[in-house]
PDB file of N, CA and C in Angstrom:
ATOM      1  N   MET A   1     126.330 111.563 123.270  1.00  0.00           N
ATOM      2  CA  MET A   1     125.965 110.540 124.194  1.00  0.00           C
ATOM      3  C   MET A   1     125.363 109.357 123.491  1.00  0.00           C
ATOM      4  N   ILE A   2     125.805 108.181 123.850  1.00  0.00           N
ATOM      5  CA  ILE A   2     125.288 106.936 123.194  1.00  0.00           C
ATOM      6  C   ILE A   2     123.984 106.597 123.756  1.00  0.00           C
ATOM      7  N   SER A   3     123.046 106.273 122.894  1.00  0.00           N
ATOM      8  CA  SER A   3     121.716 105.840 123.340  1.00  0.00           C
ATOM      9  C   SER A   3     121.795 104.534 124.138  1.00  0.00           C
ATOM     10  N   ARG A   4     121.000 104.485 125.222  1.00  0.00           N
ATOM     11  CA  ARG A   4     120.925 103.239 125.984  1.00  0.00           C
ATOM     12  C   ARG A   4     119.523 102.629 125.742  1.00  0.00           C
ATOM     13  N   ASP A   5     118.734 103.103 124.735  1.00  0.00           N
ATOM     14  CA  ASP A   5     117.522 102.551 124.389  1.00  0.00           C
ATOM     15  C   ASP A   5     117.742 101.070 123.793  1.00  0.00           C
ATOM     16  N   ARG A   6     116.812 100.258 123.896  1.00  0.00           N
ATOM     17  CA  ARG A   6     116.880  98.891 123.346  1.00  0.00           C
ATOM     18  C   ARG A   6     115.600  98.601 122.619  1.00  0.00           C
ATOM     19  N   VAL A   7     115.702  97.652 121.630  1.00  0.00           N
ATOM     20  CA  VAL A   7     114.520  97.221 120.909  1.00  0.00           C
ATOM     21  C   VAL A   7     114.264  95.758 121.303  1.00  0.00           C
ATOM     22  N   ARG A   8     113.014  95.437 121.577  1.00  0.00           N
ATOM     23  CA  ARG A   8     112.736  94.009 121.863  1.00  0.00           C
ATOM     24  C   ARG A   8     111.749  93.571 120.786  1.00  0.00           C
ATOM     25  N   PHE A   9     112.067  92.435 120.157  1.00  0.00           N
ATOM     26  CA  PHE A   9     111.157  91.896 119.147  1.00  0.00           C
ATOM     27  C   PHE A   9     111.254  90.403 119.131  1.00  0.00           C
ATOM     28  N   GLN A  10     110.284  89.831 118.524  1.00  0.00           N
ATOM     29  CA  GLN A  10     110.184  88.328 118.435  1.00  0.00           C
ATOM     30  C   GLN A  10     110.632  87.908 117.057  1.00  0.00           C
ATOM     31  N   LEU A  11     111.644  87.087 117.022  1.00  0.00           N
ATOM     32  CA  LEU A  11     112.149  86.623 115.685  1.00  0.00           C
ATOM     33  C   LEU A  11     111.206  85.422 115.265  1.00  0.00           C
ATOM     34  N   SER A  12     110.012  85.927 114.811  1.00  0.00           N
ATOM     35  CA  SER A  12     108.969  84.981 114.452  1.00  0.00           C
ATOM     36  C   SER A  12     109.236  84.361 113.077  1.00  0.00           C
ATOM     37  N   ASP A  13     108.821  83.204 112.816  1.00  0.00           N
ATOM     38  CA  ASP A  13     109.047  82.589 111.514  1.00  0.00           C
ATOM     39  C   ASP A  13     107.710  82.389 110.751  1.00  0.00           C
ATOM     40  N   ILE A  14     106.813  83.303 110.935  1.00  0.00           N
ATOM     41  CA  ILE A  14     105.505  83.243 110.304  1.00  0.00           C
ATOM     42  C   ILE A  14     105.620  83.240 108.797  1.00  0.00           C
ATOM     43  N   ASP A  15     106.592  84.006 108.258  1.00  0.00           N
ATOM     44  CA  ASP A  15     106.723  84.113 106.778  1.00  0.00           C
ATOM     45  C   ASP A  15     107.516  82.962 106.185  1.00  0.00           C
ATOM     46  N   LYS A  16     107.956  81.984 107.000  1.00  0.00           N
ATOM     47  CA  LYS A  16     108.645  80.792 106.538  1.00  0.00           C
ATOM     48  C   LYS A  16     109.916  81.071 105.758  1.00  0.00           C
ATOM     49  N   ASN A  17     110.610  82.196 106.092  1.00  0.00           N
ATOM     50  CA  ASN A  17     111.810  82.506 105.517  1.00  0.00           C
ATOM     51  C   ASN A  17     112.979  82.251 106.475  1.00  0.00           C
ATOM     52  N   HIS A  18     113.028  80.978 106.893  1.00  0.00           N
ATOM     53  CA  HIS A  18     114.002  80.606 107.929  1.00  0.00           C
ATOM     54  C   HIS A  18     115.425  81.080 107.596  1.00  0.00           C
ATOM     55  N   ALA A  19     115.912  80.757 106.417  1.00  0.00           N
ATOM     56  CA  ALA A  19     117.274  81.021 106.041  1.00  0.00           C
ATOM     57  C   ALA A  19     117.518  82.495 106.051  1.00  0.00           C
ATOM     58  N   ALA A  20     116.612  83.268 105.377  1.00  0.00           N
ATOM     59  CA  ALA A  20     116.859  84.717 105.324  1.00  0.00           C
ATOM     60  C   ALA A  20     116.819  85.426 106.667  1.00  0.00           C
ATOM     61  N   ASN A  21     115.895  84.998 107.505  1.00  0.00           N
ATOM     62  CA  ASN A  21     115.876  85.585 108.927  1.00  0.00           C
ATOM     63  C   ASN A  21     117.106  85.194 109.672  1.00  0.00           C
ATOM     64  N   ALA A  22     117.554  83.967 109.526  1.00  0.00           N
ATOM     65  CA  ALA A  22     118.754  83.545 110.230  1.00  0.00           C
ATOM     66  C   ALA A  22     119.971  84.282 109.738  1.00  0.00           C
ATOM     67  N   ARG A  23     120.153  84.367 108.422  1.00  0.00           N
ATOM     68  CA  ARG A  23     121.294  85.078 107.850  1.00  0.00           C
ATOM     69  C   ARG A  23     121.328  86.540 108.312  1.00  0.00           C
ATOM     70  N   ALA A  24     120.217  87.175 108.283  1.00  0.00           N
ATOM     71  CA  ALA A  24     120.145  88.545 108.699  1.00  0.00           C
ATOM     72  C   ALA A  24     120.492  88.678 110.222  1.00  0.00           C
ATOM     73  N   ALA A  25     119.952  87.794 111.014  1.00  0.00           N
ATOM     74  CA  ALA A  25     120.191  87.773 112.490  1.00  0.00           C
ATOM     75  C   ALA A  25     121.691  87.513 112.784  1.00  0.00           C
ATOM     76  N   GLN A  26     122.287  86.622 111.977  1.00  0.00           N
ATOM     77  CA  GLN A  26     123.637  86.255 112.211  1.00  0.00           C
ATOM     78  C   GLN A  26     124.569  87.487 111.943  1.00  0.00           C
ATOM     79  N   LYS A  27     124.305  88.199 110.799  1.00  0.00           N
ATOM     80  CA  LYS A  27     125.136  89.352 110.461  1.00  0.00           C
ATOM     81  C   LYS A  27     124.894  90.512 111.439  1.00  0.00           C
ATOM     82  N   ALA A  28     123.617  90.724 111.793  1.00  0.00           N
ATOM     83  CA  ALA A  28     123.256  91.954 112.555  1.00  0.00           C
ATOM     84  C   ALA A  28     123.654  91.829 113.988  1.00  0.00           C
ATOM     85  N   PHE A  29     123.550  90.616 114.536  1.00  0.00           N
ATOM     86  CA  PHE A  29     123.720  90.454 116.007  1.00  0.00           C
ATOM     87  C   PHE A  29     125.001  89.719 116.398  1.00  0.00           C
ATOM     88  N   GLY A  30     125.801  89.347 115.394  1.00  0.00           N
ATOM     89  CA  GLY A  30     127.077  88.661 115.747  1.00  0.00           C
ATOM     90  C   GLY A  30     126.841  87.319 116.273  1.00  0.00           C
ATOM     91  N   LEU A  31     125.865  86.641 115.805  1.00  0.00           N
ATOM     92  CA  LEU A  31     125.559  85.275 116.262  1.00  0.00           C
ATOM     93  C   LEU A  31     126.266  84.289 115.384  1.00  0.00           C
ATOM     94  N   THR A  32     126.507  83.075 115.922  1.00  0.00           N
ATOM     95  CA  THR A  32     127.003  82.031 115.030  1.00  0.00           C
ATOM     96  C   THR A  32     125.840  81.502 114.159  1.00  0.00           C
ATOM     97  N   CYS A  33     126.173  80.753 113.140  1.00  0.00           N
ATOM     98  CA  CYS A  33     125.136  80.192 112.300  1.00  0.00           C
ATOM     99  C   CYS A  33     124.145  79.382 113.036  1.00  0.00           C
ATOM    100  N   SER A  34     124.650  78.569 113.885  1.00  0.00           N
ATOM    101  CA  SER A  34     123.740  77.672 114.682  1.00  0.00           C
ATOM    102  C   SER A  34     122.863  78.415 115.674  1.00  0.00           C
ATOM    103  N   GLN A  35     123.457  79.440 116.285  1.00  0.00           N
ATOM    104  CA  GLN A  35     122.680  80.347 117.223  1.00  0.00           C
ATOM    105  C   GLN A  35     121.531  81.032 116.472  1.00  0.00           C
ATOM    106  N   ALA A  36     121.864  81.562 115.317  1.00  0.00           N
ATOM    107  CA  ALA A  36     120.918  82.308 114.520  1.00  0.00           C
ATOM    108  C   ALA A  36     119.757  81.381 114.059  1.00  0.00           C
ATOM    109  N   TYR A  37     120.091  80.208 113.562  1.00  0.00           N
ATOM    110  CA  TYR A  37     119.012  79.255 113.164  1.00  0.00           C
ATOM    111  C   TYR A  37     118.163  78.762 114.352  1.00  0.00           C
ATOM    112  N   HIS A  38     118.791  78.551 115.398  1.00  0.00           N
ATOM    113  CA  HIS A  38     118.088  78.180 116.694  1.00  0.00           C
ATOM    114  C   HIS A  38     117.104  79.309 117.032  1.00  0.00           C
ATOM    115  N   ALA A  39     117.585  80.571 117.040  1.00  0.00           N
ATOM    116  CA  ALA A  39     116.729  81.701 117.382  1.00  0.00           C
ATOM    117  C   ALA A  39     115.494  81.812 116.481  1.00  0.00           C
ATOM    118  N   VAL A  40     115.730  81.577 115.259  1.00  0.00           N
ATOM    119  CA  VAL A  40     114.584  81.573 114.293  1.00  0.00           C
ATOM    120  C   VAL A  40     113.598  80.352 114.516  1.00  0.00           C
ATOM    121  N   ARG A  41     114.208  79.156 114.660  1.00  0.00           N
ATOM    122  CA  ARG A  41     113.378  77.973 114.822  1.00  0.00           C
ATOM    123  C   ARG A  41     112.528  78.008 116.107  1.00  0.00           C
ATOM    124  N   THR A  42     113.101  78.595 117.153  1.00  0.00           N
ATOM    125  CA  THR A  42     112.399  78.625 118.441  1.00  0.00           C
ATOM    126  C   THR A  42     111.684  79.981 118.728  1.00  0.00           C
ATOM    127  N   GLU A  43     111.684  80.822 117.705  1.00  0.00           N
ATOM    128  CA  GLU A  43     110.997  82.135 117.747  1.00  0.00           C
ATOM    129  C   GLU A  43     111.417  82.904 118.967  1.00  0.00           C
ATOM    130  N   GLN A  44     112.713  83.071 119.141  1.00  0.00           N
ATOM    131  CA  GLN A  44     113.235  83.727 120.265  1.00  0.00           C
ATOM    132  C   GLN A  44     112.823  85.212 120.318  1.00  0.00           C
ATOM    133  N   THR A  45     112.678  85.732 121.518  1.00  0.00           N
ATOM    134  CA  THR A  45     112.565  87.155 121.704  1.00  0.00           C
ATOM    135  C   THR A  45     113.966  87.762 121.857  1.00  0.00           C
ATOM    136  N   ILE A  46     114.259  88.795 121.118  1.00  0.00           N
ATOM    137  CA  ILE A  46     115.625  89.344 121.109  1.00  0.00           C
ATOM    138  C   ILE A  46     115.621  90.804 121.594  1.00  0.00           C
ATOM    139  N   ILE A  47     116.581  91.116 122.350  1.00  0.00           N
ATOM    140  CA  ILE A  47     116.793  92.521 122.782  1.00  0.00           C
ATOM    141  C   ILE A  47     118.099  92.996 122.082  1.00  0.00           C
ATOM    142  N   CYS A  48     118.058  94.092 121.463  1.00  0.00           N
ATOM    143  CA  CYS A  48     119.228  94.637 120.747  1.00  0.00           C
ATOM    144  C   CYS A  48     119.249  96.166 120.749  1.00  0.00           C
ATOM    145  N   ARG A  49     120.348  96.701 120.326  1.00  0.00           N
ATOM    146  CA  ARG A  49     120.408  98.180 120.202  1.00  0.00           C
ATOM    147  C   ARG A  49     119.643  98.560 118.932  1.00  0.00           C
ATOM    148  N   PRO A  50     119.090  99.835 118.916  1.00  0.00           N
ATOM    149  CA  PRO A  50     118.409 100.248 117.731  1.00  0.00           C
ATOM    150  C   PRO A  50     119.201 100.146 116.403  1.00  0.00           C
ATOM    151  N   SER A  51     120.501 100.413 116.515  1.00  0.00           N
ATOM    152  CA  SER A  51     121.334 100.305 115.326  1.00  0.00           C
ATOM    153  C   SER A  51     121.439  98.860 114.832  1.00  0.00           C
ATOM    154  N   GLN A  52     121.523  97.883 115.743  1.00  0.00           N
ATOM    155  CA  GLN A  52     121.608  96.477 115.350  1.00  0.00           C
ATOM    156  C   GLN A  52     120.238  96.098 114.670  1.00  0.00           C
ATOM    157  N   PHE A  53     119.132  96.594 115.245  1.00  0.00           N
ATOM    158  CA  PHE A  53     117.826  96.276 114.678  1.00  0.00           C
ATOM    159  C   PHE A  53     117.690  96.836 113.231  1.00  0.00           C
ATOM    160  N   ALA A  54     118.201  98.052 113.070  1.00  0.00           N
ATOM    161  CA  ALA A  54     118.156  98.656 111.727  1.00  0.00           C
ATOM    162  C   ALA A  54     118.945  97.853 110.729  1.00  0.00           C
ATOM    163  N   ARG A  55     120.118  97.396 111.130  1.00  0.00           N
ATOM    164  CA  ARG A  55     120.957  96.534 110.243  1.00  0.00           C
ATOM    165  C   ARG A  55     120.236  95.232 109.944  1.00  0.00           C
ATOM    166  N   PHE A  56     119.614  94.643 110.989  1.00  0.00           N
ATOM    167  CA  PHE A  56     118.848  93.399 110.753  1.00  0.00           C
ATOM    168  C   PHE A  56     117.692  93.605 109.713  1.00  0.00           C
ATOM    169  N   LEU A  57     116.993  94.663 109.849  1.00  0.00           N
ATOM    170  CA  LEU A  57     115.845  95.004 108.916  1.00  0.00           C
ATOM    171  C   LEU A  57     116.411  95.245 107.483  1.00  0.00           C
ATOM    172  N   ILE A  58     117.499  95.911 107.366  1.00  0.00           N
ATOM    173  CA  ILE A  58     118.087  96.167 106.037  1.00  0.00           C
ATOM    174  C   ILE A  58     118.519  94.856 105.332  1.00  0.00           C
ATOM    175  N   TRP A  59     119.287  93.979 106.094  1.00  0.00           N
ATOM    176  CA  TRP A  59     119.693  92.742 105.510  1.00  0.00           C
ATOM    177  C   TRP A  59     118.541  91.813 105.265  1.00  0.00           C
ATOM    178  N   ARG A  60     117.569  91.778 106.159  1.00  0.00           N
ATOM    179  CA  ARG A  60     116.397  90.983 105.965  1.00  0.00           C
ATOM    180  C   ARG A  60     115.584  91.381 104.758  1.00  0.00           C
ATOM    181  N   SER A  61     115.473  92.732 104.583  1.00  0.00           N
ATOM    182  CA  SER A  61     114.622  93.195 103.426  1.00  0.00           C
ATOM    183  C   SER A  61     115.345  92.855 102.071  1.00  0.00           C
ATOM    184  N   GLN A  62     116.576  92.657 102.086  1.00  0.00           N
ATOM    185  CA  GLN A  62     117.297  92.280 100.844  1.00  0.00           C
ATOM    186  C   GLN A  62     117.007  90.897 100.400  1.00  0.00           C
ATOM    187  N   GLU A  63     116.463  90.065 101.317  1.00  0.00           N
ATOM    188  CA  GLU A  63     116.258  88.664 100.990  1.00  0.00           C
ATOM    189  C   GLU A  63     114.768  88.240 101.029  1.00  0.00           C
ATOM    190  N   VAL A  64     113.935  89.062 101.704  1.00  0.00           N
ATOM    191  CA  VAL A  64     112.555  88.680 101.932  1.00  0.00           C
ATOM    192  C   VAL A  64     111.601  89.610 101.166  1.00  0.00           C
ATOM    193  N   ASP A  65     110.800  89.060 100.304  1.00  0.00           N
ATOM    194  CA  ASP A  65     109.743  89.866  99.626  1.00  0.00           C
ATOM    195  C   ASP A  65     108.677  90.182 100.625  1.00  0.00           C
ATOM    196  N   GLY A  66     108.161  91.363 100.584  1.00  0.00           N
ATOM    197  CA  GLY A  66     107.102  91.773 101.504  1.00  0.00           C
ATOM    198  C   GLY A  66     107.567  91.638 102.939  1.00  0.00           C
ATOM    199  N   ASN A  67     108.544  92.329 103.332  1.00  0.00           N
ATOM    200  CA  ASN A  67     109.287  92.358 104.542  1.00  0.00           C
ATOM    201  C   ASN A  67     108.484  92.029 105.778  1.00  0.00           C
ATOM    202  N   ARG A  68     107.205  92.422 105.854  1.00  0.00           N
ATOM    203  CA  ARG A  68     106.298  92.080 107.015  1.00  0.00           C
ATOM    204  C   ARG A  68     106.916  92.543 108.318  1.00  0.00           C
ATOM    205  N   PHE A  69     107.209  93.813 108.443  1.00  0.00           N
ATOM    206  CA  PHE A  69     107.808  94.324 109.623  1.00  0.00           C
ATOM    207  C   PHE A  69     106.889  94.075 110.856  1.00  0.00           C
ATOM    208  N   LYS A  70     105.571  94.198 110.686  1.00  0.00           N
ATOM    209  CA  LYS A  70     104.676  94.144 111.766  1.00  0.00           C
ATOM    210  C   LYS A  70     104.774  92.780 112.529  1.00  0.00           C
ATOM    211  N   GLN A  71     105.034  91.674 111.871  1.00  0.00           N
ATOM    212  CA  GLN A  71     105.106  90.401 112.475  1.00  0.00           C
ATOM    213  C   GLN A  71     106.263  90.304 113.506  1.00  0.00           C
ATOM    214  N   LEU A  72     107.192  91.212 113.522  1.00  0.00           N
ATOM    215  CA  LEU A  72     108.286  91.217 114.474  1.00  0.00           C
ATOM    216  C   LEU A  72     107.783  91.688 115.850  1.00  0.00           C
ATOM    217  N   ASN A  73     106.664  92.310 115.984  1.00  0.00           N
ATOM    218  CA  ASN A  73     106.145  92.782 117.246  1.00  0.00           C
ATOM    219  C   ASN A  73     107.208  93.625 117.973  1.00  0.00           C
ATOM    220  N   ALA A  74     107.850  94.532 117.283  1.00  0.00           N
ATOM    221  CA  ALA A  74     108.955  95.338 117.834  1.00  0.00           C
ATOM    222  C   ALA A  74     108.443  96.446 118.742  1.00  0.00           C
ATOM    223  N   GLU A  75     109.223  96.692 119.744  1.00  0.00           N
ATOM    224  CA  GLU A  75     108.888  97.833 120.675  1.00  0.00           C
ATOM    225  C   GLU A  75     110.262  98.402 121.168  1.00  0.00           C
ATOM    226  N   LEU A  76     110.248  99.724 121.349  1.00  0.00           N
ATOM    227  CA  LEU A  76     111.413 100.365 121.888  1.00  0.00           C
ATOM    228  C   LEU A  76     111.375 100.378 123.401  1.00  0.00           C
ATOM    229  N   LEU A  77     112.386  99.914 124.013  1.00  0.00           N
ATOM    230  CA  LEU A  77     112.399  99.772 125.477  1.00  0.00           C
ATOM    231  C   LEU A  77     113.230 100.970 126.098  1.00  0.00           C
ATOM    232  N   PRO A  78     112.794 101.484 127.238  1.00  0.00           N
ATOM    233  CA  PRO A  78     113.584 102.523 127.915  1.00  0.00           C
ATOM    234  C   PRO A  78     114.902 101.876 128.444  1.00  0.00           C
ATOM    235  N   PRO A  79     115.904 102.673 128.662  1.00  0.00           N
ATOM    236  CA  PRO A  79     117.237 102.126 129.055  1.00  0.00           C
ATOM    237  C   PRO A  79     117.159 101.240 130.322  1.00  0.00           C
ATOM    238  N   GLU A  80     116.363 101.594 131.239  1.00  0.00           N
ATOM    239  CA  GLU A  80     116.359 100.846 132.573  1.00  0.00           C
ATOM    240  C   GLU A  80     115.593  99.498 132.463  1.00  0.00           C
ATOM    241  N   HIS A  81     115.078  99.167 131.308  1.00  0.00           N
ATOM    242  CA  HIS A  81     114.332  97.860 131.206  1.00  0.00           C
ATOM    243  C   HIS A  81     115.333  96.659 131.182  1.00  0.00           C
ATOM    244  N   LEU A  82     115.104  95.740 132.034  1.00  0.00           N
ATOM    245  CA  LEU A  82     115.906  94.551 132.060  1.00  0.00           C
ATOM    246  C   LEU A  82     115.044  93.326 131.808  1.00  0.00           C
ATOM    247  N   ASP A  83     115.574  92.464 130.988  1.00  0.00           N
ATOM    248  CA  ASP A  83     114.834  91.217 130.653  1.00  0.00           C
ATOM    249  C   ASP A  83     115.775  90.082 130.575  1.00  0.00           C
ATOM    250  N   CYS A  84     115.365  88.888 130.795  1.00  0.00           N
ATOM    251  CA  CYS A  84     116.229  87.707 130.642  1.00  0.00           C
ATOM    252  C   CYS A  84     115.810  86.996 129.270  1.00  0.00           C
ATOM    253  N   MET A  85     116.172  87.669 128.271  1.00  0.00           N
ATOM    254  CA  MET A  85     115.922  87.199 126.928  1.00  0.00           C
ATOM    255  C   MET A  85     117.261  87.202 126.176  1.00  0.00           C
ATOM    256  N   LEU A  86     117.234  86.875 124.917  1.00  0.00           N
ATOM    257  CA  LEU A  86     118.445  86.867 124.093  1.00  0.00           C
ATOM    258  C   LEU A  86     118.954  88.292 123.892  1.00  0.00           C
ATOM    259  N   ASP A  87     119.781  88.726 124.739  1.00  0.00           N
ATOM    260  CA  ASP A  87     120.300  90.127 124.685  1.00  0.00           C
ATOM    261  C   ASP A  87     121.611  90.084 123.898  1.00  0.00           C
ATOM    262  N   VAL A  88     121.573  90.644 122.642  1.00  0.00           N
ATOM    263  CA  VAL A  88     122.721  90.693 121.850  1.00  0.00           C
ATOM    264  C   VAL A  88     123.455  91.950 121.769  1.00  0.00           C
ATOM    265  N   THR A  89     123.102  92.916 122.635  1.00  0.00           N
ATOM    266  CA  THR A  89     123.683  94.250 122.620  1.00  0.00           C
ATOM    267  C   THR A  89     125.157  94.236 122.900  1.00  0.00           C
ATOM    268  N   ARG A  90     125.779  93.241 123.501  1.00  0.00           N
ATOM    269  CA  ARG A  90     127.182  93.198 123.785  1.00  0.00           C
ATOM    270  C   ARG A  90     128.012  92.516 122.706  1.00  0.00           C
ATOM    271  N   ASN A  91     127.346  91.925 121.689  1.00  0.00           N
ATOM    272  CA  ASN A  91     128.104  91.358 120.591  1.00  0.00           C
ATOM    273  C   ASN A  91     128.574  92.413 119.693  1.00  0.00           C
ATOM    274  N   ALA A  92     129.669  92.232 119.065  1.00  0.00           N
ATOM    275  CA  ALA A  92     130.383  93.191 118.291  1.00  0.00           C
ATOM    276  C   ALA A  92     129.703  93.727 117.031  1.00  0.00           C
ATOM    277  N   ALA A  93     128.750  92.941 116.512  1.00  0.00           N
ATOM    278  CA  ALA A  93     128.117  93.333 115.248  1.00  0.00           C
ATOM    279  C   ALA A  93     127.392  94.642 115.296  1.00  0.00           C
TER     280      ALA A  93
END
C-alpha cells in the first residue's frame, strides 16, 4: 500500500544558500527553475510526499555545508490533512 502521508515544511532561506536550495527543490519536486527560485525567495511552505522530501534533503546536503535540517520546520501530516499551499505531490519527480 502506498503511503498517503505528507510532509509540510517551509523552504526558508535563513542559510542564504538560495541556489542550492532552489536546485534541490527543482530536482526533488519537478519544479521549473523559475518556480524553484521563487519558492526559495518567498519562503514558500511546501507539501510533498515523504520520498520527495528525502530526495530534497539528499540533494540539498550535497551542496550545503551544515545542512541545518531544523530550519525547515518539517512535520509529517496525516493523509486527511488538506492545505492550500505549494502541493508538489502530483509532480513526476
